[in-house]
Amino acid sequence: MQSGLSYVCTSAWAGAAKTLVQRPLAGDWPLKIAPPVFISPPSPALALLYCFSAKGTGQLHRINGKMDGAMYRKILSDNLLPSARKLKMGRGWVFQHDNDPKHTAKATKEWPKKKHIKVMEWPSQSPDLNPIENLWGDLKLKVRDSLETLVI
């Protein structure tokens, strides 16, 4: 079986979930509590690009600002190839990413060809088949469970 390297851009804190916050009435803390307020955290709060394979995990990259195709290719250059070397992927590995417009742009499709990287074909209009999504689900649960109560 051929080993693959999956690389995906995702938001680690996606969604518009509301959080219950209880706050003190001015000057009366801790005797009285104001009615609860529901706040919506900004979403996404953190965007990450990460890769993994059967051989282990690669570099994690925090995305600052809005990512376009040029930024995506720069991140691949700076992180994907070093990760493949660190994981000792050799020459037979296959790169996997979905049909996001940044991934399907002409310049982005040319990048792996120039680097002699095989790319897995992705079915058009398919559900998200990328196995890394399972890791993001686990991360979201761990972060949610570790957050302390916010008092404003």
N, C-alpha and C. Protein backbone atom coordinates (compact mmCIF):
# COMPACT_ATOMS: atom_id res chain seq x y z
N MET A 1 0.84 -1.19 0.00
CA MET A 1 0.00 0.00 0.00
C MET A 1 0.88 1.25 0.00
N GLN A 2 0.51 2.19 -0.80
CA GLN A 2 1.28 3.42 -0.93
C GLN A 2 0.92 4.38 0.21
N SER A 3 1.95 4.96 0.79
CA SER A 3 1.73 5.90 1.88
C SER A 3 1.33 7.26 1.32
N GLY A 4 0.45 7.95 2.00
CA GLY A 4 0.01 9.27 1.55
C GLY A 4 0.25 10.32 2.60
N LEU A 5 0.26 11.55 2.19
CA LEU A 5 0.39 12.68 3.10
C LEU A 5 -0.83 13.56 2.89
N SER A 6 -1.61 13.72 3.92
CA SER A 6 -2.83 14.51 3.86
C SER A 6 -2.55 15.89 4.44
N TYR A 7 -2.95 16.93 3.74
CA TYR A 7 -2.67 18.29 4.17
C TYR A 7 -3.95 19.10 4.00
N VAL A 8 -4.34 19.81 5.00
CA VAL A 8 -5.61 20.51 4.92
C VAL A 8 -5.54 21.84 5.66
N CYS A 9 -6.29 22.78 5.16
CA CYS A 9 -6.47 24.05 5.87
C CYS A 9 -7.83 23.97 6.54
N THR A 10 -7.87 24.30 7.78
CA THR A 10 -9.14 24.22 8.49
C THR A 10 -9.20 25.26 9.59
N SER A 11 -10.36 25.47 10.07
CA SER A 11 -10.56 26.34 11.22
C SER A 11 -10.71 25.46 12.44
N ALA A 12 -9.91 25.68 13.44
CA ALA A 12 -9.97 24.86 14.64
C ALA A 12 -11.14 25.24 15.54
N TRP A 13 -11.65 26.45 15.40
CA TRP A 13 -12.76 26.90 16.23
C TRP A 13 -13.87 27.44 15.34
N ALA A 14 -14.47 26.58 14.59
CA ALA A 14 -15.53 27.01 13.67
C ALA A 14 -16.88 26.94 14.36
N GLY A 15 -17.82 27.64 13.82
CA GLY A 15 -19.18 27.58 14.33
C GLY A 15 -19.54 28.85 15.09
N ALA A 16 -20.82 29.03 15.27
CA ALA A 16 -21.30 30.23 15.96
C ALA A 16 -21.98 29.85 17.26
N ALA A 17 -21.42 28.90 17.98
CA ALA A 17 -22.01 28.45 19.24
C ALA A 17 -22.06 29.61 20.23
N LYS A 18 -23.13 29.66 20.99
CA LYS A 18 -23.26 30.71 21.99
C LYS A 18 -22.85 30.16 23.34
N THR A 19 -22.22 31.01 24.14
CA THR A 19 -21.72 30.64 25.45
C THR A 19 -22.47 31.43 26.51
N LEU A 20 -22.93 30.73 27.56
CA LEU A 20 -23.62 31.39 28.66
C LEU A 20 -22.59 32.05 29.57
N VAL A 21 -22.80 33.33 29.85
CA VAL A 21 -21.90 34.07 30.72
C VAL A 21 -22.73 34.72 31.82
N GLN A 22 -22.35 34.47 33.08
CA GLN A 22 -22.99 35.18 34.18
C GLN A 22 -22.03 36.25 34.65
N ARG A 23 -22.56 37.45 34.87
CA ARG A 23 -21.69 38.56 35.23
C ARG A 23 -22.21 39.24 36.49
N PRO A 24 -21.31 39.84 37.27
CA PRO A 24 -21.75 40.51 38.50
C PRO A 24 -22.45 41.83 38.20
N LEU A 25 -23.39 42.17 39.08
CA LEU A 25 -23.96 43.51 39.03
C LEU A 25 -22.92 44.47 39.58
N ALA A 26 -22.81 45.64 39.03
CA ALA A 26 -21.79 46.61 39.46
C ALA A 26 -21.89 46.86 40.96
N GLY A 27 -20.78 46.70 41.66
CA GLY A 27 -20.69 47.01 43.08
C GLY A 27 -21.29 45.98 44.02
N ASP A 28 -22.00 44.99 43.53
CA ASP A 28 -22.67 44.04 44.40
C ASP A 28 -22.04 42.65 44.40
N TRP A 29 -20.95 42.46 43.75
CA TRP A 29 -20.35 41.13 43.68
C TRP A 29 -19.87 40.71 45.05
N PRO A 30 -20.03 39.52 45.55
CA PRO A 30 -20.63 38.36 44.93
C PRO A 30 -22.08 38.11 45.37
N LEU A 31 -22.76 39.13 45.88
CA LEU A 31 -24.08 38.90 46.44
C LEU A 31 -25.17 38.72 45.39
N LYS A 32 -25.07 39.42 44.29
CA LYS A 32 -26.11 39.34 43.26
C LYS A 32 -25.47 39.06 41.90
N ILE A 33 -26.18 38.31 41.11
CA ILE A 33 -25.72 37.99 39.75
C ILE A 33 -26.73 38.58 38.77
N ALA A 34 -26.24 39.26 37.77
CA ALA A 34 -27.11 39.82 36.72
C ALA A 34 -27.70 38.68 35.90
N PRO A 35 -28.77 38.95 35.20
CA PRO A 35 -29.32 37.91 34.32
C PRO A 35 -28.25 37.41 33.35
N PRO A 36 -28.31 36.13 33.00
CA PRO A 36 -27.28 35.60 32.10
C PRO A 36 -27.31 36.28 30.74
N VAL A 37 -26.16 36.37 30.16
CA VAL A 37 -25.99 36.97 28.84
C VAL A 37 -25.41 35.89 27.93
N PHE A 38 -25.90 35.80 26.72
CA PHE A 38 -25.34 34.87 25.75
C PHE A 38 -24.45 35.63 24.79
N ILE A 39 -23.23 35.16 24.65
CA ILE A 39 -22.30 35.80 23.71
C ILE A 39 -21.92 34.79 22.64
N SER A 40 -21.63 35.29 21.47
CA SER A 40 -21.15 34.44 20.38
C SER A 40 -19.68 34.72 20.16
N PRO A 41 -18.83 33.71 20.33
CA PRO A 41 -17.41 33.94 20.08
C PRO A 41 -17.16 34.18 18.60
N PRO A 42 -16.13 34.95 18.27
CA PRO A 42 -15.81 35.14 16.85
C PRO A 42 -15.46 33.80 16.22
N SER A 43 -15.80 33.65 14.97
CA SER A 43 -15.55 32.39 14.30
C SER A 43 -15.08 32.66 12.88
N PRO A 44 -14.04 32.08 12.38
CA PRO A 44 -13.12 31.24 13.14
C PRO A 44 -12.13 32.08 13.93
N ALA A 45 -11.73 31.60 15.08
CA ALA A 45 -10.78 32.31 15.92
C ALA A 45 -9.35 31.94 15.56
N LEU A 46 -9.19 30.78 14.98
CA LEU A 46 -7.85 30.31 14.66
C LEU A 46 -7.93 29.42 13.43
N ALA A 47 -7.14 29.72 12.43
CA ALA A 47 -7.09 28.88 11.23
C ALA A 47 -5.71 28.23 11.16
N LEU A 48 -5.70 26.94 10.90
CA LEU A 48 -4.46 26.17 10.91
C LEU A 48 -4.32 25.35 9.64
N LEU A 49 -3.10 25.10 9.27
CA LEU A 49 -2.81 24.16 8.19
C LEU A 49 -1.90 23.11 8.79
N TYR A 50 -2.20 21.86 8.55
CA TYR A 50 -1.54 20.77 9.23
C TYR A 50 -1.46 19.57 8.30
N CYS A 51 -0.48 18.71 8.51
CA CYS A 51 -0.41 17.49 7.70
C CYS A 51 -0.08 16.29 8.56
N PHE A 52 -0.48 15.12 8.08
CA PHE A 52 -0.14 13.88 8.75
C PHE A 52 -0.14 12.74 7.74
N SER A 53 0.50 11.65 8.12
CA SER A 53 0.51 10.44 7.30
C SER A 53 0.52 9.25 8.25
N ALA A 54 0.56 8.05 7.69
CA ALA A 54 0.67 6.85 8.50
C ALA A 54 1.99 6.85 9.27
N LYS A 55 2.95 7.63 8.83
CA LYS A 55 4.27 7.68 9.48
C LYS A 55 4.34 8.71 10.60
N GLY A 56 3.33 9.52 10.77
CA GLY A 56 3.33 10.51 11.85
C GLY A 56 2.77 11.84 11.41
N THR A 57 2.99 12.84 12.27
CA THR A 57 2.45 14.17 12.02
C THR A 57 3.53 15.11 11.50
N GLY A 58 3.11 16.04 10.68
CA GLY A 58 4.02 17.03 10.12
C GLY A 58 3.90 18.35 10.86
N GLN A 59 4.37 19.39 10.21
CA GLN A 59 4.38 20.72 10.82
C GLN A 59 2.98 21.32 10.86
N LEU A 60 2.72 22.07 11.92
CA LEU A 60 1.48 22.81 12.08
C LEU A 60 1.78 24.26 11.73
N HIS A 61 0.93 24.87 10.91
CA HIS A 61 1.14 26.25 10.49
C HIS A 61 -0.10 27.08 10.81
N ARG A 62 0.08 28.16 11.55
CA ARG A 62 -1.02 29.08 11.83
C ARG A 62 -1.16 30.05 10.67
N ILE A 63 -2.37 30.22 10.20
CA ILE A 63 -2.64 31.11 9.07
C ILE A 63 -3.04 32.48 9.62
N ASN A 64 -2.31 33.49 9.22
CA ASN A 64 -2.62 34.86 9.62
C ASN A 64 -3.26 35.58 8.44
N GLY A 65 -4.44 36.10 8.66
CA GLY A 65 -5.14 36.79 7.58
C GLY A 65 -5.91 35.83 6.71
N LYS A 66 -6.37 36.36 5.59
CA LYS A 66 -7.15 35.55 4.65
C LYS A 66 -6.19 34.86 3.69
N MET A 67 -6.34 33.55 3.56
CA MET A 67 -5.43 32.79 2.71
C MET A 67 -5.94 32.79 1.27
N ASP A 68 -5.02 33.06 0.35
CA ASP A 68 -5.31 32.95 -1.08
C ASP A 68 -4.39 31.87 -1.65
N GLY A 69 -4.47 31.66 -2.94
CA GLY A 69 -3.66 30.63 -3.58
C GLY A 69 -2.17 30.83 -3.41
N ALA A 70 -1.70 32.08 -3.52
CA ALA A 70 -0.27 32.36 -3.37
C ALA A 70 0.20 32.02 -1.95
N MET A 71 -0.60 32.39 -0.94
CA MET A 71 -0.24 32.07 0.44
C MET A 71 -0.23 30.55 0.64
N TYR A 72 -1.22 29.87 0.08
CA TYR A 72 -1.30 28.41 0.22
C TYR A 72 -0.05 27.74 -0.37
N ARG A 73 0.37 28.17 -1.55
CA ARG A 73 1.56 27.58 -2.17
C ARG A 73 2.82 27.88 -1.35
N LYS A 74 2.90 29.07 -0.78
CA LYS A 74 4.05 29.41 0.08
C LYS A 74 4.08 28.51 1.32
N ILE A 75 2.91 28.29 1.91
CA ILE A 75 2.83 27.42 3.08
C ILE A 75 3.22 26.00 2.71
N LEU A 76 2.77 25.53 1.55
CA LEU A 76 3.18 24.20 1.10
C LEU A 76 4.69 24.12 0.96
N SER A 77 5.28 25.13 0.34
CA SER A 77 6.75 25.15 0.15
C SER A 77 7.47 25.13 1.49
N ASP A 78 6.98 25.93 2.44
CA ASP A 78 7.66 26.07 3.72
C ASP A 78 7.39 24.92 4.69
N ASN A 79 6.28 24.19 4.51
CA ASN A 79 5.88 23.20 5.50
C ASN A 79 5.70 21.78 4.96
N LEU A 80 5.12 21.64 3.78
CA LEU A 80 4.83 20.29 3.27
C LEU A 80 6.11 19.51 2.98
N LEU A 81 7.01 20.10 2.22
CA LEU A 81 8.24 19.38 1.86
C LEU A 81 9.10 19.07 3.09
N PRO A 82 9.31 20.04 4.01
CA PRO A 82 10.05 19.69 5.23
C PRO A 82 9.37 18.59 6.05
N SER A 83 8.03 18.60 6.08
CA SER A 83 7.31 17.55 6.81
C SER A 83 7.53 16.20 6.17
N ALA A 84 7.47 16.15 4.84
CA ALA A 84 7.69 14.88 4.13
C ALA A 84 9.10 14.35 4.40
N ARG A 85 10.08 15.26 4.44
CA ARG A 85 11.46 14.83 4.74
C ARG A 85 11.57 14.33 6.18
N LYS A 86 10.98 15.08 7.12
CA LYS A 86 11.03 14.70 8.53
C LYS A 86 10.40 13.32 8.76
N LEU A 87 9.32 13.05 8.04
CA LEU A 87 8.61 11.78 8.19
C LEU A 87 9.23 10.66 7.36
N LYS A 88 10.30 10.99 6.62
CA LYS A 88 10.99 10.01 5.76
C LYS A 88 10.00 9.33 4.81
N MET A 89 9.25 10.17 4.10
CA MET A 89 8.22 9.68 3.18
C MET A 89 8.81 9.07 1.91
N GLY A 90 10.06 9.37 1.61
CA GLY A 90 10.65 8.83 0.39
C GLY A 90 10.08 9.52 -0.83
N ARG A 91 10.03 8.80 -1.95
CA ARG A 91 9.55 9.41 -3.21
C ARG A 91 8.18 8.92 -3.64
N GLY A 92 7.61 7.91 -3.01
CA GLY A 92 6.36 7.32 -3.50
C GLY A 92 5.09 7.82 -2.86
N TRP A 93 5.17 8.87 -2.05
CA TRP A 93 3.97 9.31 -1.36
C TRP A 93 3.06 10.12 -2.26
N VAL A 94 1.79 10.18 -1.87
CA VAL A 94 0.76 10.89 -2.64
C VAL A 94 0.19 12.01 -1.77
N PHE A 95 0.11 13.19 -2.34
CA PHE A 95 -0.41 14.36 -1.65
C PHE A 95 -1.92 14.42 -1.81
N GLN A 96 -2.62 14.79 -0.73
CA GLN A 96 -4.08 14.84 -0.76
C GLN A 96 -4.55 16.19 -0.22
N HIS A 97 -5.36 16.87 -1.00
CA HIS A 97 -6.11 18.03 -0.52
C HIS A 97 -7.41 18.08 -1.29
N ASP A 98 -8.38 18.86 -0.81
CA ASP A 98 -9.72 18.82 -1.40
C ASP A 98 -9.86 19.82 -2.56
N ASN A 99 -11.09 20.08 -2.95
CA ASN A 99 -11.36 20.94 -4.11
C ASN A 99 -11.59 22.40 -3.75
N ASP A 100 -11.04 22.85 -2.66
CA ASP A 100 -11.10 24.27 -2.32
C ASP A 100 -10.53 25.06 -3.50
N PRO A 101 -11.10 26.22 -3.83
CA PRO A 101 -10.59 26.99 -4.98
C PRO A 101 -9.09 27.30 -4.92
N LYS A 102 -8.54 27.48 -3.73
CA LYS A 102 -7.09 27.71 -3.62
C LYS A 102 -6.31 26.48 -4.07
N HIS A 103 -6.88 25.30 -3.86
CA HIS A 103 -6.21 24.05 -4.21
C HIS A 103 -6.35 23.72 -5.69
N THR A 104 -7.39 24.23 -6.31
CA THR A 104 -7.65 23.89 -7.71
C THR A 104 -7.22 24.99 -8.68
N ALA A 105 -6.68 26.08 -8.15
CA ALA A 105 -6.18 27.16 -9.01
C ALA A 105 -5.07 26.62 -9.91
N LYS A 106 -4.97 27.16 -11.11
CA LYS A 106 -3.98 26.68 -12.08
C LYS A 106 -2.56 26.68 -11.51
N ALA A 107 -2.17 27.79 -10.86
CA ALA A 107 -0.81 27.89 -10.30
C ALA A 107 -0.60 26.86 -9.19
N THR A 108 -1.64 26.58 -8.41
CA THR A 108 -1.52 25.59 -7.34
C THR A 108 -1.41 24.19 -7.92
N LYS A 109 -2.12 23.92 -9.00
CA LYS A 109 -2.01 22.60 -9.65
C LYS A 109 -0.62 22.39 -10.26
N GLU A 110 0.00 23.47 -10.70
CA GLU A 110 1.34 23.37 -11.28
C GLU A 110 2.41 23.14 -10.22
N TRP A 111 2.21 23.66 -9.02
CA TRP A 111 3.23 23.57 -7.97
C TRP A 111 3.68 22.13 -7.69
N PRO A 112 2.77 21.18 -7.42
CA PRO A 112 3.26 19.82 -7.15
C PRO A 112 3.91 19.16 -8.37
N LYS A 113 3.46 19.53 -9.56
CA LYS A 113 4.09 18.97 -10.77
C LYS A 113 5.56 19.39 -10.84
N LYS A 114 5.83 20.66 -10.54
CA LYS A 114 7.21 21.15 -10.57
C LYS A 114 8.07 20.48 -9.50
N LYS A 115 7.44 20.06 -8.40
CA LYS A 115 8.16 19.43 -7.29
C LYS A 115 8.15 17.89 -7.41
N HIS A 116 7.55 17.37 -8.48
CA HIS A 116 7.45 15.92 -8.72
C HIS A 116 6.69 15.22 -7.59
N ILE A 117 5.59 15.84 -7.18
CA ILE A 117 4.73 15.29 -6.13
C ILE A 117 3.46 14.77 -6.78
N LYS A 118 3.11 13.52 -6.49
CA LYS A 118 1.85 12.95 -6.99
C LYS A 118 0.71 13.51 -6.15
N VAL A 119 -0.41 13.83 -6.81
CA VAL A 119 -1.58 14.37 -6.12
C VAL A 119 -2.76 13.44 -6.34
N MET A 120 -3.45 13.09 -5.26
CA MET A 120 -4.64 12.25 -5.36
C MET A 120 -5.77 13.05 -6.00
N GLU A 121 -6.43 12.47 -6.97
CA GLU A 121 -7.59 13.12 -7.58
C GLU A 121 -8.72 13.15 -6.57
N TRP A 122 -9.44 14.25 -6.53
CA TRP A 122 -10.52 14.43 -5.57
C TRP A 122 -11.83 14.52 -6.33
N PRO A 123 -12.84 13.72 -5.97
CA PRO A 123 -14.12 13.77 -6.69
C PRO A 123 -14.76 15.15 -6.58
N SER A 124 -15.32 15.64 -7.69
CA SER A 124 -15.96 16.95 -7.65
C SER A 124 -17.24 16.88 -6.82
N GLN A 125 -17.54 17.97 -6.15
CA GLN A 125 -18.73 18.10 -5.31
C GLN A 125 -18.92 16.91 -4.38
N SER A 126 -17.81 16.45 -3.82
CA SER A 126 -17.86 15.31 -2.90
C SER A 126 -17.97 15.80 -1.47
N PRO A 127 -18.46 14.95 -0.58
CA PRO A 127 -18.39 15.32 0.83
C PRO A 127 -16.94 15.36 1.25
N ASP A 128 -16.68 15.94 2.39
CA ASP A 128 -15.30 16.04 2.85
C ASP A 128 -14.79 14.65 3.21
N LEU A 129 -13.92 14.12 2.39
CA LEU A 129 -13.37 12.78 2.58
C LEU A 129 -12.02 12.79 3.28
N ASN A 130 -11.52 13.97 3.60
CA ASN A 130 -10.18 14.07 4.13
C ASN A 130 -10.11 13.52 5.55
N PRO A 131 -9.25 12.52 5.81
CA PRO A 131 -9.19 11.91 7.14
C PRO A 131 -8.72 12.85 8.25
N ILE A 132 -8.10 13.95 7.89
CA ILE A 132 -7.63 14.88 8.93
C ILE A 132 -8.80 15.53 9.67
N GLU A 133 -9.99 15.54 9.07
CA GLU A 133 -11.14 16.14 9.73
C GLU A 133 -11.44 15.46 11.06
N ASN A 134 -11.15 14.16 11.17
CA ASN A 134 -11.34 13.46 12.45
C ASN A 134 -10.44 14.04 13.53
N LEU A 135 -9.21 14.40 13.17
CA LEU A 135 -8.30 15.01 14.15
C LEU A 135 -8.81 16.36 14.61
N TRP A 136 -9.36 17.16 13.67
CA TRP A 136 -9.88 18.47 14.05
C TRP A 136 -11.05 18.33 15.01
N GLY A 137 -11.90 17.32 14.79
CA GLY A 137 -13.02 17.08 15.70
C GLY A 137 -12.53 16.81 17.11
N ASP A 138 -11.50 15.97 17.23
CA ASP A 138 -10.92 15.68 18.55
C ASP A 138 -10.33 16.94 19.18
N LEU A 139 -9.63 17.75 18.38
CA LEU A 139 -9.03 18.98 18.90
C LEU A 139 -10.10 19.94 19.41
N LYS A 140 -11.18 20.10 18.66
CA LYS A 140 -12.25 21.00 19.07
C LYS A 140 -12.83 20.58 20.41
N LEU A 141 -13.03 19.27 20.60
CA LEU A 141 -13.57 18.78 21.87
C LEU A 141 -12.61 19.06 23.02
N LYS A 142 -11.33 18.82 22.81
CA LYS A 142 -10.34 19.05 23.87
C LYS A 142 -10.26 20.53 24.24
N VAL A 143 -10.30 21.40 23.23
CA VAL A 143 -10.24 22.84 23.50
C VAL A 143 -11.49 23.28 24.24
N ARG A 144 -12.64 22.84 23.78
CA ARG A 144 -13.90 23.22 24.43
C ARG A 144 -13.90 22.78 25.90
N ASP A 145 -13.44 21.56 26.16
CA ASP A 145 -13.43 21.03 27.52
C ASP A 145 -12.44 21.75 28.42
N SER A 146 -11.41 22.36 27.84
CA SER A 146 -10.38 22.99 28.66
C SER A 146 -10.61 24.49 28.88
N LEU A 147 -11.57 25.08 28.19
CA LEU A 147 -11.82 26.52 28.35
C LEU A 147 -12.39 26.82 29.73
N GLU A 148 -11.91 27.87 30.33
CA GLU A 148 -12.45 28.31 31.62
C GLU A 148 -13.66 29.20 31.37
N THR A 149 -14.47 29.35 32.40
CA THR A 149 -15.65 30.21 32.30
C THR A 149 -15.21 31.65 32.09
N LEU A 150 -15.84 32.32 31.17
CA LEU A 150 -15.53 33.71 30.86
C LEU A 150 -16.41 34.62 31.71
N VAL A 151 -15.80 35.53 32.43
CA VAL A 151 -16.56 36.50 33.23
C VAL A 151 -16.29 37.88 32.65
N ILE A 152 -17.36 38.58 32.29
CA ILE A 152 -17.20 39.94 31.75
C ILE A 152 -17.88 40.94 32.65
